Amino acid sequence: MKEWVRKRFSLAPDAAILVSEVACNLPGCPPLETVIAFWTKDETGDKRHHFKMFKRVAEVAYDDLPYAWMKDSLIVPEGFECECC
């Protein structure tokens, strides 16, 4: 799946990508979900991007990934704290 993320978002060969399957204990949440995080660099520094998919890693398909044009909207704001990644 890391190669799918690298391809979809045109990431550098050395870009860090994290794919995790995590348990969710919130009511109405699927028991397992996939969390993907990746990092990019620009003139202002490192940027962390992340998104979730409400299915197990084994169930995720390439077409489930967000569109490439959404890349900037996946940037995590500075100071934002998240338990998933």
PDB file of N, CA and C in Angstrom:
ATOM      1  N   MET A   1       0.814  -1.190   0.000  1.00  0.00           N
ATOM      2  CA  MET A   1       0.000   0.000   0.000  1.00  0.00           C
ATOM      3  C   MET A   1       0.866   1.266   0.000  1.00  0.00           C
ATOM      4  N   LYS A   2       2.044   1.186   0.588  1.00  0.00           N
ATOM      5  CA  LYS A   2       2.928   2.355   0.601  1.00  0.00           C
ATOM      6  C   LYS A   2       3.253   2.808  -0.819  1.00  0.00           C
ATOM      7  N   GLU A   3       3.456   1.856  -1.719  1.00  0.00           N
ATOM      8  CA  GLU A   3       3.763   2.228  -3.104  1.00  0.00           C
ATOM      9  C   GLU A   3       2.559   2.877  -3.783  1.00  0.00           C
ATOM     10  N   TRP A   4       1.359   2.462  -3.413  1.00  0.00           N
ATOM     11  CA  TRP A   4       0.151   3.116  -3.944  1.00  0.00           C
ATOM     12  C   TRP A   4       0.109   4.582  -3.514  1.00  0.00           C
ATOM     13  N   VAL A   5       0.409   4.819  -2.237  1.00  0.00           N
ATOM     14  CA  VAL A   5       0.402   6.185  -1.706  1.00  0.00           C
ATOM     15  C   VAL A   5       1.493   7.012  -2.400  1.00  0.00           C
ATOM     16  N   ARG A   6       2.666   6.445  -2.544  1.00  0.00           N
ATOM     17  CA  ARG A   6       3.776   7.131  -3.209  1.00  0.00           C
ATOM     18  C   ARG A   6       3.385   7.516  -4.647  1.00  0.00           C
ATOM     19  N   LYS A   7       2.756   6.583  -5.352  1.00  0.00           N
ATOM     20  CA  LYS A   7       2.337   6.830  -6.732  1.00  0.00           C
ATOM     21  C   LYS A   7       1.219   7.876  -6.794  1.00  0.00           C
ATOM     22  N   ARG A   8       0.192   7.719  -5.966  1.00  0.00           N
ATOM     23  CA  ARG A   8      -0.974   8.607  -6.025  1.00  0.00           C
ATOM     24  C   ARG A   8      -0.582  10.065  -5.779  1.00  0.00           C
ATOM     25  N   PHE A   9       0.290  10.297  -4.788  1.00  0.00           N
ATOM     26  CA  PHE A   9       0.626  11.665  -4.392  1.00  0.00           C
ATOM     27  C   PHE A   9       1.977  12.139  -4.929  1.00  0.00           C
ATOM     28  N   SER A  10       2.556  11.378  -5.849  1.00  0.00           N
ATOM     29  CA  SER A  10       3.839  11.728  -6.477  1.00  0.00           C
ATOM     30  C   SER A  10       4.904  12.056  -5.433  1.00  0.00           C
ATOM     31  N   LEU A  11       5.075  11.155  -4.478  1.00  0.00           N
ATOM     32  CA  LEU A  11       6.033  11.366  -3.398  1.00  0.00           C
ATOM     33  C   LEU A  11       7.429  10.935  -3.814  1.00  0.00           C
ATOM     34  N   ALA A  12       8.415  11.560  -3.218  1.00  0.00           N
ATOM     35  CA  ALA A  12       9.813  11.222  -3.469  1.00  0.00           C
ATOM     36  C   ALA A  12      10.088   9.786  -3.013  1.00  0.00           C
ATOM     37  N   PRO A  13      11.069   9.140  -3.618  1.00  0.00           N
ATOM     38  CA  PRO A  13      11.402   7.763  -3.233  1.00  0.00           C
ATOM     39  C   PRO A  13      11.763   7.614  -1.752  1.00  0.00           C
ATOM     40  N   ASP A  14      12.289   8.674  -1.138  1.00  0.00           N
ATOM     41  CA  ASP A  14      12.682   8.587   0.271  1.00  0.00           C
ATOM     42  C   ASP A  14      11.647   9.189   1.224  1.00  0.00           C
ATOM     43  N   ALA A  15      10.468   9.545   0.719  1.00  0.00           N
ATOM     44  CA  ALA A  15       9.416  10.110   1.584  1.00  0.00           C
ATOM     45  C   ALA A  15       8.936   9.049   2.572  1.00  0.00           C
ATOM     46  N   ALA A  16       8.786   9.446   3.827  1.00  0.00           N
ATOM     47  CA  ALA A  16       8.302   8.528   4.859  1.00  0.00           C
ATOM     48  C   ALA A  16       6.793   8.337   4.711  1.00  0.00           C
ATOM     49  N   ILE A  17       6.361   7.071   4.752  1.00  0.00           N
ATOM     50  CA  ILE A  17       4.950   6.716   4.653  1.00  0.00           C
ATOM     51  C   ILE A  17       4.655   5.715   5.754  1.00  0.00           C
ATOM     52  N   LEU A  18       3.567   5.944   6.480  1.00  0.00           N
ATOM     53  CA  LEU A  18       3.156   5.054   7.562  1.00  0.00           C
ATOM     54  C   LEU A  18       1.757   4.540   7.246  1.00  0.00           C
ATOM     55  N   VAL A  19       1.589   3.224   7.277  1.00  0.00           N
ATOM     56  CA  VAL A  19       0.278   2.596   7.100  1.00  0.00           C
ATOM     57  C   VAL A  19       0.022   1.754   8.336  1.00  0.00           C
ATOM     58  N   SER A  20      -1.094   2.025   9.017  1.00  0.00           N
ATOM     59  CA  SER A  20      -1.409   1.296  10.248  1.00  0.00           C
ATOM     60  C   SER A  20      -2.870   0.884  10.257  1.00  0.00           C
ATOM     61  N   GLU A  21      -3.118  -0.273  10.824  1.00  0.00           N
ATOM     62  CA  GLU A  21      -4.481  -0.711  11.079  1.00  0.00           C
ATOM     63  C   GLU A  21      -4.717  -0.520  12.568  1.00  0.00           C
ATOM     64  N   VAL A  22      -5.686   0.290  12.924  1.00  0.00           N
ATOM     65  CA  VAL A  22      -5.907   0.617  14.328  1.00  0.00           C
ATOM     66  C   VAL A  22      -7.334   0.274  14.743  1.00  0.00           C
ATOM     67  N   ALA A  23      -7.482  -0.037  16.024  1.00  0.00           N
ATOM     68  CA  ALA A  23      -8.797  -0.317  16.586  1.00  0.00           C
ATOM     69  C   ALA A  23      -9.468   0.989  16.971  1.00  0.00           C
ATOM     70  N   CYS A  24     -10.757   1.049  16.757  1.00  0.00           N
ATOM     71  CA  CYS A  24     -11.535   2.229  17.127  1.00  0.00           C
ATOM     72  C   CYS A  24     -12.593   1.802  18.137  1.00  0.00           C
ATOM     73  N   ASN A  25     -12.627   2.489  19.260  1.00  0.00           N
ATOM     74  CA  ASN A  25     -13.570   2.134  20.320  1.00  0.00           C
ATOM     75  C   ASN A  25     -14.748   3.086  20.418  1.00  0.00           C
ATOM     76  N   LEU A  26     -14.862   4.022  19.496  1.00  0.00           N
ATOM     77  CA  LEU A  26     -15.963   4.980  19.521  1.00  0.00           C
ATOM     78  C   LEU A  26     -17.240   4.336  18.991  1.00  0.00           C
ATOM     79  N   PRO A  27     -18.388   4.669  19.572  1.00  0.00           N
ATOM     80  CA  PRO A  27     -19.650   4.121  19.074  1.00  0.00           C
ATOM     81  C   PRO A  27     -19.860   4.474  17.598  1.00  0.00           C
ATOM     82  N   GLY A  28     -20.294   3.494  16.812  1.00  0.00           N
ATOM     83  CA  GLY A  28     -20.562   3.708  15.402  1.00  0.00           C
ATOM     84  C   GLY A  28     -19.341   3.618  14.512  1.00  0.00           C
ATOM     85  N   CYS A  29     -18.181   3.467  15.097  1.00  0.00           N
ATOM     86  CA  CYS A  29     -16.926   3.385  14.353  1.00  0.00           C
ATOM     87  C   CYS A  29     -16.666   1.918  14.010  1.00  0.00           C
ATOM     88  N   PRO A  30     -16.108   1.634  12.838  1.00  0.00           N
ATOM     89  CA  PRO A  30     -15.777   0.234  12.537  1.00  0.00           C
ATOM     90  C   PRO A  30     -14.718  -0.268  13.517  1.00  0.00           C
ATOM     91  N   PRO A  31     -14.723  -1.555  13.807  1.00  0.00           N
ATOM     92  CA  PRO A  31     -13.764  -2.076  14.793  1.00  0.00           C
ATOM     93  C   PRO A  31     -12.304  -1.863  14.394  1.00  0.00           C
ATOM     94  N   LEU A  32     -12.002  -1.931  13.111  1.00  0.00           N
ATOM     95  CA  LEU A  32     -10.642  -1.687  12.625  1.00  0.00           C
ATOM     96  C   LEU A  32     -10.699  -0.706  11.458  1.00  0.00           C
ATOM     97  N   GLU A  33      -9.760   0.223  11.450  1.00  0.00           N
ATOM     98  CA  GLU A  33      -9.674   1.185  10.349  1.00  0.00           C
ATOM     99  C   GLU A  33      -8.214   1.343   9.946  1.00  0.00           C
ATOM    100  N   THR A  34      -8.000   1.825   8.746  1.00  0.00           N
ATOM    101  CA  THR A  34      -6.654   2.020   8.229  1.00  0.00           C
ATOM    102  C   THR A  34      -6.313   3.496   8.296  1.00  0.00           C
ATOM    103  N   VAL A  35      -5.157   3.796   8.857  1.00  0.00           N
ATOM    104  CA  VAL A  35      -4.666   5.168   8.960  1.00  0.00           C
ATOM    105  C   VAL A  35      -3.388   5.259   8.131  1.00  0.00           C
ATOM    106  N   ILE A  36      -3.324   6.280   7.288  1.00  0.00           N
ATOM    107  CA  ILE A  36      -2.149   6.487   6.447  1.00  0.00           C
ATOM    108  C   ILE A  36      -1.613   7.884   6.700  1.00  0.00           C
ATOM    109  N   ALA A  37      -0.315   7.972   6.935  1.00  0.00           N
ATOM    110  CA  ALA A  37       0.359   9.260   7.114  1.00  0.00           C
ATOM    111  C   ALA A  37       1.571   9.287   6.199  1.00  0.00           C
ATOM    112  N   PHE A  38       1.873  10.474   5.683  1.00  0.00           N
ATOM    113  CA  PHE A  38       3.095  10.649   4.903  1.00  0.00           C
ATOM    114  C   PHE A  38       3.598  12.066   5.090  1.00  0.00           C
ATOM    115  N   TRP A  39       4.874  12.240   4.815  1.00  0.00           N
ATOM    116  CA  TRP A  39       5.529  13.525   5.040  1.00  0.00           C
ATOM    117  C   TRP A  39       6.097  14.043   3.734  1.00  0.00           C
ATOM    118  N   THR A  40       5.982  15.354   3.538  1.00  0.00           N
ATOM    119  CA  THR A  40       6.576  16.029   2.388  1.00  0.00           C
ATOM    120  C   THR A  40       7.379  17.212   2.905  1.00  0.00           C
ATOM    121  N   LYS A  41       8.227  17.746   2.048  1.00  0.00           N
ATOM    122  CA  LYS A  41       9.025  18.922   2.397  1.00  0.00           C
ATOM    123  C   LYS A  41       8.761  20.003   1.371  1.00  0.00           C
ATOM    124  N   ASP A  42       8.726  21.240   1.840  1.00  0.00           N
ATOM    125  CA  ASP A  42       8.670  22.382   0.935  1.00  0.00           C
ATOM    126  C   ASP A  42       9.539  23.486   1.518  1.00  0.00           C
ATOM    127  N   GLU A  43       9.449  24.674   0.954  1.00  0.00           N
ATOM    128  CA  GLU A  43      10.319  25.767   1.405  1.00  0.00           C
ATOM    129  C   GLU A  43      10.061  26.188   2.853  1.00  0.00           C
ATOM    130  N   THR A  44       8.896  25.812   3.411  1.00  0.00           N
ATOM    131  CA  THR A  44       8.589  26.184   4.797  1.00  0.00           C
ATOM    132  C   THR A  44       8.898  25.071   5.791  1.00  0.00           C
ATOM    133  N   GLY A  45       9.312  23.893   5.289  1.00  0.00           N
ATOM    134  CA  GLY A  45       9.667  22.799   6.188  1.00  0.00           C
ATOM    135  C   GLY A  45       8.893  21.528   5.906  1.00  0.00           C
ATOM    136  N   ASP A  46       8.937  20.605   6.874  1.00  0.00           N
ATOM    137  CA  ASP A  46       8.253  19.325   6.738  1.00  0.00           C
ATOM    138  C   ASP A  46       6.754  19.495   6.945  1.00  0.00           C
ATOM    139  N   LYS A  47       5.982  18.744   6.184  1.00  0.00           N
ATOM    140  CA  LYS A  47       4.524  18.748   6.295  1.00  0.00           C
ATOM    141  C   LYS A  47       4.054  17.312   6.501  1.00  0.00           C
ATOM    142  N   ARG A  48       3.231  17.107   7.527  1.00  0.00           N
ATOM    143  CA  ARG A  48       2.636  15.792   7.748  1.00  0.00           C
ATOM    144  C   ARG A  48       1.233  15.794   7.152  1.00  0.00           C
ATOM    145  N   HIS A  49       0.918  14.750   6.437  1.00  0.00           N
ATOM    146  CA  HIS A  49      -0.403  14.560   5.845  1.00  0.00           C
ATOM    147  C   HIS A  49      -0.970  13.274   6.440  1.00  0.00           C
ATOM    148  N   HIS A  50      -2.273  13.221   6.653  1.00  0.00           N
ATOM    149  CA  HIS A  50      -2.845  11.935   7.058  1.00  0.00           C
ATOM    150  C   HIS A  50      -4.317  11.853   6.700  1.00  0.00           C
ATOM    151  N   PHE A  51      -4.778  10.607   6.607  1.00  0.00           N
ATOM    152  CA  PHE A  51      -6.190  10.338   6.354  1.00  0.00           C
ATOM    153  C   PHE A  51      -6.507   8.933   6.850  1.00  0.00           C
ATOM    154  N   LYS A  52      -7.805   8.671   7.044  1.00  0.00           N
ATOM    155  CA  LYS A  52      -8.280   7.372   7.506  1.00  0.00           C
ATOM    156  C   LYS A  52      -9.209   6.771   6.472  1.00  0.00           C
ATOM    157  N   MET A  53      -9.264   5.452   6.484  1.00  0.00           N
ATOM    158  CA  MET A  53     -10.251   4.723   5.703  1.00  0.00           C
ATOM    159  C   MET A  53     -10.927   3.746   6.649  1.00  0.00           C
ATOM    160  N   PHE A  54     -12.227   3.687   6.599  1.00  0.00           N
ATOM    161  CA  PHE A  54     -12.980   2.886   7.550  1.00  0.00           C
ATOM    162  C   PHE A  54     -13.118   1.437   7.095  1.00  0.00           C
ATOM    163  N   LYS A  55     -11.962   0.829   6.874  1.00  0.00           N
ATOM    164  CA  LYS A  55     -11.885  -0.584   6.521  1.00  0.00           C
ATOM    165  C   LYS A  55     -10.502  -1.103   6.891  1.00  0.00           C
ATOM    166  N   ARG A  56     -10.387  -2.418   6.951  1.00  0.00           N
ATOM    167  CA  ARG A  56      -9.107  -3.049   7.277  1.00  0.00           C
ATOM    168  C   ARG A  56      -8.109  -2.836   6.148  1.00  0.00           C
ATOM    169  N   VAL A  57      -6.814  -2.909   6.470  1.00  0.00           N
ATOM    170  CA  VAL A  57      -5.763  -2.736   5.473  1.00  0.00           C
ATOM    171  C   VAL A  57      -5.976  -3.691   4.295  1.00  0.00           C
ATOM    172  N   ALA A  58      -6.293  -4.942   4.584  1.00  0.00           N
ATOM    173  CA  ALA A  58      -6.451  -5.950   3.534  1.00  0.00           C
ATOM    174  C   ALA A  58      -7.611  -5.647   2.590  1.00  0.00           C
ATOM    175  N   GLU A  59      -8.539  -4.813   3.011  1.00  0.00           N
ATOM    176  CA  GLU A  59      -9.709  -4.481   2.192  1.00  0.00           C
ATOM    177  C   GLU A  59      -9.530  -3.220   1.356  1.00  0.00           C
ATOM    178  N   VAL A  60      -8.466  -2.468   1.598  1.00  0.00           N
ATOM    179  CA  VAL A  60      -8.250  -1.203   0.902  1.00  0.00           C
ATOM    180  C   VAL A  60      -7.764  -1.469  -0.523  1.00  0.00           C
ATOM    181  N   ALA A  61      -8.350  -0.745  -1.477  1.00  0.00           N
ATOM    182  CA  ALA A  61      -7.940  -0.817  -2.882  1.00  0.00           C
ATOM    183  C   ALA A  61      -7.336   0.523  -3.290  1.00  0.00           C
ATOM    184  N   TYR A  62      -6.578   0.517  -4.362  1.00  0.00           N
ATOM    185  CA  TYR A  62      -5.937   1.745  -4.849  1.00  0.00           C
ATOM    186  C   TYR A  62      -6.960   2.867  -5.055  1.00  0.00           C
ATOM    187  N   ASP A  63      -8.116   2.543  -5.609  1.00  0.00           N
ATOM    188  CA  ASP A  63      -9.131   3.562  -5.882  1.00  0.00           C
ATOM    189  C   ASP A  63      -9.783   4.122  -4.624  1.00  0.00           C
ATOM    190  N   ASP A  64      -9.509   3.524  -3.455  1.00  0.00           N
ATOM    191  CA  ASP A  64     -10.020   4.066  -2.185  1.00  0.00           C
ATOM    192  C   ASP A  64      -9.209   5.272  -1.720  1.00  0.00           C
ATOM    193  N   LEU A  65      -7.989   5.433  -2.211  1.00  0.00           N
ATOM    194  CA  LEU A  65      -7.143   6.549  -1.778  1.00  0.00           C
ATOM    195  C   LEU A  65      -7.744   7.874  -2.246  1.00  0.00           C
ATOM    196  N   PRO A  66      -7.546   8.940  -1.467  1.00  0.00           N
ATOM    197  CA  PRO A  66      -8.016  10.256  -1.913  1.00  0.00           C
ATOM    198  C   PRO A  66      -7.361  10.633  -3.243  1.00  0.00           C
ATOM    199  N   TYR A  67      -8.029  11.486  -3.991  1.00  0.00           N
ATOM    200  CA  TYR A  67      -7.471  11.964  -5.254  1.00  0.00           C
ATOM    201  C   TYR A  67      -6.204  12.777  -4.998  1.00  0.00           C
ATOM    202  N   ALA A  68      -5.306  12.766  -5.966  1.00  0.00           N
ATOM    203  CA  ALA A  68      -4.033  13.482  -5.839  1.00  0.00           C
ATOM    204  C   ALA A  68      -4.240  14.969  -5.595  1.00  0.00           C
ATOM    205  N   TRP A  69      -5.285  15.565  -6.183  1.00  0.00           N
ATOM    206  CA  TRP A  69      -5.510  16.998  -6.014  1.00  0.00           C
ATOM    207  C   TRP A  69      -5.924  17.362  -4.597  1.00  0.00           C
ATOM    208  N   MET A  70      -6.201  16.368  -3.763  1.00  0.00           N
ATOM    209  CA  MET A  70      -6.565  16.618  -2.362  1.00  0.00           C
ATOM    210  C   MET A  70      -5.347  16.650  -1.437  1.00  0.00           C
ATOM    211  N   LYS A  71      -4.161  16.439  -1.975  1.00  0.00           N
ATOM    212  CA  LYS A  71      -2.945  16.311  -1.174  1.00  0.00           C
ATOM    213  C   LYS A  71      -2.783  17.446  -0.159  1.00  0.00           C
ATOM    214  N   ASP A  72      -2.941  18.692  -0.577  1.00  0.00           N
ATOM    215  CA  ASP A  72      -2.763  19.822   0.346  1.00  0.00           C
ATOM    216  C   ASP A  72      -3.826  19.849   1.443  1.00  0.00           C
ATOM    217  N   SER A  73      -5.012  19.343   1.167  1.00  0.00           N
ATOM    218  CA  SER A  73      -6.060  19.340   2.194  1.00  0.00           C
ATOM    219  C   SER A  73      -5.814  18.270   3.254  1.00  0.00           C
ATOM    220  N   LEU A  74      -4.874  17.376   3.006  1.00  0.00           N
ATOM    221  CA  LEU A  74      -4.537  16.325   3.971  1.00  0.00           C
ATOM    222  C   LEU A  74      -3.435  16.744   4.932  1.00  0.00           C
ATOM    223  N   ILE A  75      -2.918  17.961   4.773  1.00  0.00           N
ATOM    224  CA  ILE A  75      -1.867  18.457   5.668  1.00  0.00           C
ATOM    225  C   ILE A  75      -2.444  18.649   7.068  1.00  0.00           C
ATOM    226  N   VAL A  76      -1.734  18.147   8.057  1.00  0.00           N
ATOM    227  CA  VAL A  76      -2.143  18.282   9.453  1.00  0.00           C
ATOM    228  C   VAL A  76      -1.662  19.632   9.951  1.00  0.00           C
ATOM    229  N   PRO A  77      -2.577  20.475  10.472  1.00  0.00           N
ATOM    230  CA  PRO A  77      -2.164  21.791  10.967  1.00  0.00           C
ATOM    231  C   PRO A  77      -1.183  21.680  12.131  1.00  0.00           C
ATOM    232  N   GLU A  78      -0.249  22.597  12.183  1.00  0.00           N
ATOM    233  CA  GLU A  78       0.722  22.611  13.265  1.00  0.00           C
ATOM    234  C   GLU A  78       0.010  22.731  14.608  1.00  0.00           C
ATOM    235  N   GLY A  79       0.426  21.913  15.566  1.00  0.00           N
ATOM    236  CA  GLY A  79      -0.176  21.921  16.896  1.00  0.00           C
ATOM    237  C   GLY A  79      -1.351  20.965  17.039  1.00  0.00           C
ATOM    238  N   PHE A  80      -1.825  20.386  15.944  1.00  0.00           N
ATOM    239  CA  PHE A  80      -2.952  19.443  15.988  1.00  0.00           C
ATOM    240  C   PHE A  80      -2.467  18.128  16.570  1.00  0.00           C
ATOM    241  N   GLU A  81      -3.161  17.623  17.559  1.00  0.00           N
ATOM    242  CA  GLU A  81      -2.802  16.361  18.193  1.00  0.00           C
ATOM    243  C   GLU A  81      -3.800  15.287  17.773  1.00  0.00           C
ATOM    244  N   CYS A  82      -3.282  14.128  17.439  1.00  0.00           N
ATOM    245  CA  CYS A  82      -4.104  13.028  16.970  1.00  0.00           C
ATOM    246  C   CYS A  82      -3.568  11.723  17.559  1.00  0.00           C
ATOM    247  N   GLU A  83      -4.440  10.859  18.011  1.00  0.00           N
ATOM    248  CA  GLU A  83      -4.013   9.598  18.595  1.00  0.00           C
ATOM    249  C   GLU A  83      -3.596   8.583  17.545  1.00  0.00           C
ATOM    250  N   CYS A  84      -4.012   8.795  16.298  1.00  0.00           N
ATOM    251  CA  CYS A  84      -3.813   7.753  15.296  1.00  0.00           C
ATOM    252  C   CYS A  84      -2.420   7.756  14.671  1.00  0.00           C
ATOM    253  N   CYS A  85      -1.771   8.930  14.534  1.00  0.00           N
ATOM    254  CA  CYS A  85      -0.484   8.941  13.828  1.00  0.00           C
ATOM    255  C   CYS A  85       0.308  10.198  14.139  1.00  0.00           C
TER     256      CYS A  85
END
